[in-house]
Amino acid sequence: MGHYAHCTKCKSAFLKSLEEEFGGVENPWKSGWPCRIEDILRHSSIKRKTAQALEKIYMALQGHRGYHTFVGKSRLPPCDHYVPALNCLIELDEPQHFTAPRALTLSMYPAGVKIGYRRKTWHEKCLALNRHDNDPAHRDETRAWYDTLRDLLPASFGLNPTIRLLSNEKIWCEEDSGTVLSMIRDRISY
């Protein structure tokens, strides 16, 4: 049997590697950013072009399976890691993040948007895995929306692009910190 994608030892080892290299890491990190589309459209810090792109993505998610209300919180739930030394978010995506709604959102990112991973790879993984988490029924849309916000909002708030790694890309609890760091450095250049 393969290594478990939700391995708590992997998550701890990953965090330890970040802390050893970069010092303080906020885990989890509360951005305080809005996540309701009406609040995003009114927020003075969010760039107009970003807000318009998010509105289109939100409407596409609504039309995907007909769920018109899938955002129950006013603020974005905590992000996996914020690394002050890099001024960016680092997200470890587990298999349940690779859904048809997430593929939809990725296909709608504005041209030239900077992200710290290969969008094409994530999109292809969404299509290949096509995971479903329907408890509640709109859970896939909600997760895709929150991931989209973590990708597209950082620039409006002065952060560098979000770096994403697959939770099972490596067996993190068996890797040395150099492996983790080289993967992060590679993604900074995307």
C-alpha atoms as a PDB file:
ATOM      1  CA  MET A   1       0.000   0.000   0.000  1.00  0.00           C
ATOM      2  CA  GLY A   2       1.265   3.490  -0.884  1.00  0.00           C
ATOM      3  CA  HIS A   3       2.096   6.233   1.571  1.00  0.00           C
ATOM      4  CA  TYR A   4      -0.957   7.939   3.033  1.00  0.00           C
ATOM      5  CA  ALA A   5      -1.676  11.388   1.487  1.00  0.00           C
ATOM      6  CA  HIS A   6      -2.852  12.782   4.850  1.00  0.00           C
ATOM      7  CA  CYS A   7       0.203  11.616   6.816  1.00  0.00           C
ATOM      8  CA  THR A   8       0.550  13.808   9.906  1.00  0.00           C
ATOM      9  CA  LYS A   9       4.262  12.997  10.126  1.00  0.00           C
ATOM     10  CA  CYS A  10       4.711  14.332   6.588  1.00  0.00           C
ATOM     11  CA  LYS A  11       2.940  17.563   7.469  1.00  0.00           C
ATOM     12  CA  SER A  12       5.087  17.982  10.586  1.00  0.00           C
ATOM     13  CA  ALA A  13       8.319  17.227   8.704  1.00  0.00           C
ATOM     14  CA  PHE A  14       7.363  19.666   5.971  1.00  0.00           C
ATOM     15  CA  LEU A  15       6.673  22.420   8.511  1.00  0.00           C
ATOM     16  CA  LYS A  16       9.925  21.673  10.349  1.00  0.00           C
ATOM     17  CA  SER A  17      11.887  22.019   7.083  1.00  0.00           C
ATOM     18  CA  LEU A  18      10.270  25.386   6.428  1.00  0.00           C
ATOM     19  CA  GLU A  19      11.013  26.598   9.948  1.00  0.00           C
ATOM     20  CA  GLU A  20      14.641  25.449   9.801  1.00  0.00           C
ATOM     21  CA  GLU A  21      15.264  27.312   6.558  1.00  0.00           C
ATOM     22  CA  PHE A  22      13.096  30.410   6.884  1.00  0.00           C
ATOM     23  CA  GLY A  23      12.626  30.935  10.605  1.00  0.00           C
ATOM     24  CA  GLY A  24       9.110  31.846  11.608  1.00  0.00           C
ATOM     25  CA  VAL A  25       6.299  30.158   9.725  1.00  0.00           C
ATOM     26  CA  GLU A  26       2.690  30.864  10.533  1.00  0.00           C
ATOM     27  CA  ASN A  27       0.789  27.585  10.427  1.00  0.00           C
ATOM     28  CA  PRO A  28      -2.102  27.882   9.879  1.00  0.00           C
ATOM     29  CA  TRP A  29      -2.314  31.499   8.731  1.00  0.00           C
ATOM     30  CA  LYS A  30      -5.433  33.652   8.907  1.00  0.00           C
ATOM     31  CA  SER A  31      -5.403  36.179   6.086  1.00  0.00           C
ATOM     32  CA  GLY A  32      -8.548  38.043   7.075  1.00  0.00           C
ATOM     33  CA  TRP A  33      -9.338  38.337   3.357  1.00  0.00           C
ATOM     34  CA  PRO A  34     -12.957  38.411   2.202  1.00  0.00           C
ATOM     35  CA  CYS A  35     -14.335  35.358   0.459  1.00  0.00           C
ATOM     36  CA  ARG A  36     -17.871  36.423  -0.462  1.00  0.00           C
ATOM     37  CA  ILE A  37     -17.966  37.756  -4.005  1.00  0.00           C
ATOM     38  CA  GLU A  38     -19.943  40.860  -3.038  1.00  0.00           C
ATOM     39  CA  ASP A  39     -17.282  41.773  -0.444  1.00  0.00           C
ATOM     40  CA  ILE A  40     -14.472  41.092  -2.920  1.00  0.00           C
ATOM     41  CA  LEU A  41     -16.052  43.405  -5.493  1.00  0.00           C
ATOM     42  CA  ARG A  42     -16.290  46.220  -2.918  1.00  0.00           C
ATOM     43  CA  HIS A  43     -12.899  45.759  -1.242  1.00  0.00           C
ATOM     44  CA  SER A  44     -10.590  48.718  -1.833  1.00  0.00           C
ATOM     45  CA  SER A  45      -7.354  46.667  -1.733  1.00  0.00           C
ATOM     46  CA  ILE A  46      -8.393  44.131  -4.357  1.00  0.00           C
ATOM     47  CA  LYS A  47      -7.341  45.135  -7.838  1.00  0.00           C
ATOM     48  CA  ARG A  48     -10.251  45.731 -10.192  1.00  0.00           C
ATOM     49  CA  LYS A  49      -8.933  43.281 -12.799  1.00  0.00           C
ATOM     50  CA  THR A  50      -8.585  40.592 -10.104  1.00  0.00           C
ATOM     51  CA  ALA A  51     -12.089  41.247  -8.757  1.00  0.00           C
ATOM     52  CA  GLN A  52     -13.557  41.000 -12.257  1.00  0.00           C
ATOM     53  CA  ALA A  53     -11.741  37.714 -12.919  1.00  0.00           C
ATOM     54  CA  LEU A  54     -12.967  36.346  -9.582  1.00  0.00           C
ATOM     55  CA  GLU A  55     -16.533  37.372 -10.395  1.00  0.00           C
ATOM     56  CA  LYS A  56     -16.405  35.402 -13.670  1.00  0.00           C
ATOM     57  CA  ILE A  57     -14.933  32.381 -11.899  1.00  0.00           C
ATOM     58  CA  TYR A  58     -17.554  32.569  -9.150  1.00  0.00           C
ATOM     59  CA  MET A  59     -20.372  32.689 -11.699  1.00  0.00           C
ATOM     60  CA  ALA A  60     -18.886  29.722 -13.563  1.00  0.00           C
ATOM     61  CA  LEU A  61     -18.755  27.737 -10.307  1.00  0.00           C
ATOM     62  CA  GLN A  62     -22.396  28.615  -9.657  1.00  0.00           C
ATOM     63  CA  GLY A  63     -23.329  27.305 -13.092  1.00  0.00           C
ATOM     64  CA  HIS A  64     -21.171  24.181 -12.895  1.00  0.00           C
ATOM     65  CA  ARG A  65     -23.635  22.057 -10.882  1.00  0.00           C
ATOM     66  CA  GLY A  66     -26.232  24.701 -10.027  1.00  0.00           C
ATOM     67  CA  TYR A  67     -25.122  25.547  -6.487  1.00  0.00           C
ATOM     68  CA  HIS A  68     -25.636  29.277  -6.152  1.00  0.00           C
ATOM     69  CA  THR A  69     -24.612  29.568  -2.514  1.00  0.00           C
ATOM     70  CA  PHE A  70     -21.460  27.673  -1.593  1.00  0.00           C
ATOM     71  CA  VAL A  71     -19.584  30.286   0.447  1.00  0.00           C
ATOM     72  CA  GLY A  72     -20.816  30.356   4.030  1.00  0.00           C
ATOM     73  CA  LYS A  73     -17.990  32.325   5.601  1.00  0.00           C
ATOM     74  CA  SER A  74     -17.262  36.025   5.305  1.00  0.00           C
ATOM     75  CA  ARG A  75     -13.485  35.538   5.678  1.00  0.00           C
ATOM     76  CA  LEU A  76     -11.202  33.081   3.922  1.00  0.00           C
ATOM     77  CA  PRO A  77     -10.503  30.059   6.152  1.00  0.00           C
ATOM     78  CA  PRO A  78      -6.890  29.670   7.332  1.00  0.00           C
ATOM     79  CA  CYS A  79      -4.192  28.962   4.763  1.00  0.00           C
ATOM     80  CA  ASP A  80      -1.707  26.117   5.288  1.00  0.00           C
ATOM     81  CA  HIS A  81       1.479  28.165   5.747  1.00  0.00           C
ATOM     82  CA  TYR A  82       2.584  31.762   5.532  1.00  0.00           C
ATOM     83  CA  VAL A  83       6.363  32.200   5.288  1.00  0.00           C
ATOM     84  CA  PRO A  84       7.283  35.813   6.164  1.00  0.00           C
ATOM     85  CA  ALA A  85      10.841  35.444   4.793  1.00  0.00           C
ATOM     86  CA  LEU A  86       9.336  34.633   1.366  1.00  0.00           C
ATOM     87  CA  ASN A  87       6.228  36.765   1.896  1.00  0.00           C
ATOM     88  CA  CYS A  88       4.062  34.033   0.431  1.00  0.00           C
ATOM     89  CA  LEU A  89       1.616  31.272   1.152  1.00  0.00           C
ATOM     90  CA  ILE A  90       2.653  27.657   0.787  1.00  0.00           C
ATOM     91  CA  GLU A  91      -0.152  25.161   0.311  1.00  0.00           C
ATOM     92  CA  LEU A  92       0.087  21.363   0.438  1.00  0.00           C
ATOM     93  CA  ASP A  93      -2.730  20.079  -1.765  1.00  0.00           C
ATOM     94  CA  GLU A  94      -4.175  16.704  -0.883  1.00  0.00           C
ATOM     95  CA  PRO A  95      -6.039  14.557  -3.444  1.00  0.00           C
ATOM     96  CA  GLN A  96      -9.477  15.982  -2.558  1.00  0.00           C
ATOM     97  CA  HIS A  97      -8.386  19.331  -4.059  1.00  0.00           C
ATOM     98  CA  PHE A  98      -8.282  17.832  -7.564  1.00  0.00           C
ATOM     99  CA  THR A  99     -11.874  18.098  -8.715  1.00  0.00           C
ATOM    100  CA  ALA A 100     -13.831  19.168 -11.780  1.00  0.00           C
ATOM    101  CA  PRO A 101     -14.720  22.525 -10.139  1.00  0.00           C
ATOM    102  CA  ARG A 102     -11.028  23.146  -9.467  1.00  0.00           C
ATOM    103  CA  ALA A 103     -10.185  22.303 -13.094  1.00  0.00           C
ATOM    104  CA  LEU A 104     -12.821  24.843 -14.122  1.00  0.00           C
ATOM    105  CA  THR A 105     -11.341  27.597 -11.951  1.00  0.00           C
ATOM    106  CA  LEU A 106      -7.791  26.901 -13.122  1.00  0.00           C
ATOM    107  CA  SER A 107      -8.890  27.139 -16.755  1.00  0.00           C
ATOM    108  CA  MET A 108     -10.268  30.625 -16.097  1.00  0.00           C
ATOM    109  CA  TYR A 109      -7.238  32.264 -14.473  1.00  0.00           C
ATOM    110  CA  PRO A 110      -6.364  35.543 -16.177  1.00  0.00           C
ATOM    111  CA  ALA A 111      -3.481  35.506 -18.647  1.00  0.00           C
ATOM    112  CA  GLY A 112      -0.213  36.458 -17.009  1.00  0.00           C
ATOM    113  CA  VAL A 113      -1.297  35.754 -13.437  1.00  0.00           C
ATOM    114  CA  LYS A 114       1.717  34.667 -11.387  1.00  0.00           C
ATOM    115  CA  ILE A 115       1.425  31.523  -9.304  1.00  0.00           C
ATOM    116  CA  GLY A 116       4.055  29.318  -7.697  1.00  0.00           C
ATOM    117  CA  TYR A 117       3.239  26.047  -9.437  1.00  0.00           C
ATOM    118  CA  ARG A 118       2.540  24.772 -12.917  1.00  0.00           C
ATOM    119  CA  ARG A 119      -1.130  25.477 -13.544  1.00  0.00           C
ATOM    120  CA  LYS A 120      -1.207  22.992 -16.426  1.00  0.00           C
ATOM    121  CA  THR A 121       0.012  20.202 -14.104  1.00  0.00           C
ATOM    122  CA  TRP A 122      -2.667  21.011 -11.522  1.00  0.00           C
ATOM    123  CA  HIS A 123      -5.350  21.194 -14.215  1.00  0.00           C
ATOM    124  CA  GLU A 124      -4.329  17.829 -15.676  1.00  0.00           C
ATOM    125  CA  LYS A 125      -4.300  16.277 -12.197  1.00  0.00           C
ATOM    126  CA  CYS A 126      -7.840  17.578 -11.612  1.00  0.00           C
ATOM    127  CA  LEU A 127      -9.012  15.929 -14.821  1.00  0.00           C
ATOM    128  CA  ALA A 128      -7.189  12.670 -14.067  1.00  0.00           C
ATOM    129  CA  LEU A 129      -8.253  12.298 -10.421  1.00  0.00           C
ATOM    130  CA  ASN A 130     -11.683  13.954 -10.670  1.00  0.00           C
ATOM    131  CA  ARG A 131     -12.259  13.607  -6.928  1.00  0.00           C
ATOM    132  CA  HIS A 132     -15.643  14.213  -5.306  1.00  0.00           C
ATOM    133  CA  ASP A 133     -16.347  15.382  -1.767  1.00  0.00           C
ATOM    134  CA  ASN A 134     -20.075  16.028  -1.633  1.00  0.00           C
ATOM    135  CA  ASP A 135     -20.604  16.469   2.092  1.00  0.00           C
ATOM    136  CA  PRO A 136     -22.047  19.073   1.968  1.00  0.00           C
ATOM    137  CA  ALA A 137     -23.218  18.769  -1.617  1.00  0.00           C
ATOM    138  CA  HIS A 138     -21.334  21.892  -2.773  1.00  0.00           C
ATOM    139  CA  ARG A 139     -18.048  21.056  -0.993  1.00  0.00           C
ATOM    140  CA  ASP A 140     -16.055  20.755  -4.245  1.00  0.00           C
ATOM    141  CA  GLU A 141     -17.147  24.225  -5.361  1.00  0.00           C
ATOM    142  CA  THR A 142     -16.324  25.694  -1.955  1.00  0.00           C
ATOM    143  CA  ARG A 143     -12.840  24.165  -1.885  1.00  0.00           C
ATOM    144  CA  ALA A 144     -12.146  25.242  -5.501  1.00  0.00           C
ATOM    145  CA  TRP A 145     -13.221  28.800  -4.640  1.00  0.00           C
ATOM    146  CA  TYR A 146     -11.020  29.013  -1.542  1.00  0.00           C
ATOM    147  CA  ASP A 147      -8.026  27.641  -3.487  1.00  0.00           C
ATOM    148  CA  THR A 148      -8.672  30.201  -6.220  1.00  0.00           C
ATOM    149  CA  LEU A 149      -8.747  33.022  -3.669  1.00  0.00           C
ATOM    150  CA  ARG A 150      -5.459  31.800  -2.177  1.00  0.00           C
ATOM    151  CA  ASP A 151      -3.957  31.971  -5.682  1.00  0.00           C
ATOM    152  CA  LEU A 152      -5.397  35.234  -6.990  1.00  0.00           C
ATOM    153  CA  LEU A 153      -5.703  37.500  -3.923  1.00  0.00           C
ATOM    154  CA  PRO A 154      -2.093  37.581  -2.632  1.00  0.00           C
ATOM    155  CA  ALA A 155      -0.909  40.158  -5.185  1.00  0.00           C
ATOM    156  CA  SER A 156      -3.669  42.567  -4.076  1.00  0.00           C
ATOM    157  CA  PHE A 157      -2.414  42.347  -0.507  1.00  0.00           C
ATOM    158  CA  GLY A 158       1.298  42.681  -1.271  1.00  0.00           C
ATOM    159  CA  LEU A 159       2.239  39.003  -1.104  1.00  0.00           C
ATOM    160  CA  ASN A 160       4.294  37.002  -3.565  1.00  0.00           C
ATOM    161  CA  PRO A 161       2.599  34.236  -5.565  1.00  0.00           C
ATOM    162  CA  THR A 162       1.250  31.236  -3.684  1.00  0.00           C
ATOM    163  CA  ILE A 163       3.430  28.135  -3.895  1.00  0.00           C
ATOM    164  CA  ARG A 164       1.592  24.812  -4.145  1.00  0.00           C
ATOM    165  CA  LEU A 165       3.001  21.345  -3.612  1.00  0.00           C
ATOM    166  CA  LEU A 166       1.238  17.998  -3.816  1.00  0.00           C
ATOM    167  CA  SER A 167       0.849  16.441  -0.395  1.00  0.00           C
ATOM    168  CA  ASN A 168       1.978  13.120  -1.851  1.00  0.00           C
ATOM    169  CA  GLU A 169       4.556  14.534  -4.284  1.00  0.00           C
ATOM    170  CA  LYS A 170       7.181  13.194  -1.889  1.00  0.00           C
ATOM    171  CA  ILE A 171       7.075  11.195   1.279  1.00  0.00           C
ATOM    172  CA  TRP A 172       7.862  14.341   3.218  1.00  0.00           C
ATOM    173  CA  CYS A 173       8.530  12.525   6.498  1.00  0.00           C
ATOM    174  CA  GLU A 174      11.352  10.616   4.781  1.00  0.00           C
ATOM    175  CA  GLU A 175      12.887  13.574   2.914  1.00  0.00           C
ATOM    176  CA  ASP A 176      15.660  15.782   4.157  1.00  0.00           C
ATOM    177  CA  SER A 177      14.920  19.474   4.422  1.00  0.00           C
ATOM    178  CA  GLY A 178      17.088  20.172   1.359  1.00  0.00           C
ATOM    179  CA  THR A 179      14.603  18.371  -0.887  1.00  0.00           C
ATOM    180  CA  VAL A 180      11.706  20.421   0.443  1.00  0.00           C
ATOM    181  CA  LEU A 181      13.637  23.641   0.043  1.00  0.00           C
ATOM    182  CA  SER A 182      14.820  22.920  -3.483  1.00  0.00           C
ATOM    183  CA  MET A 183      11.216  22.213  -4.550  1.00  0.00           C
ATOM    184  CA  ILE A 184      10.076  25.517  -3.034  1.00  0.00           C
ATOM    185  CA  ARG A 185      12.920  27.423  -4.678  1.00  0.00           C
ATOM    186  CA  ASP A 186      12.031  25.840  -8.038  1.00  0.00           C
ATOM    187  CA  ARG A 187       8.442  27.046  -7.721  1.00  0.00           C
ATOM    188  CA  ILE A 188       9.445  30.598  -6.809  1.00  0.00           C
ATOM    189  CA  SER A 189      10.700  30.960 -10.387  1.00  0.00           C
ATOM    190  CA  TYR A 190       7.363  29.943 -12.052  1.00  0.00           C
END
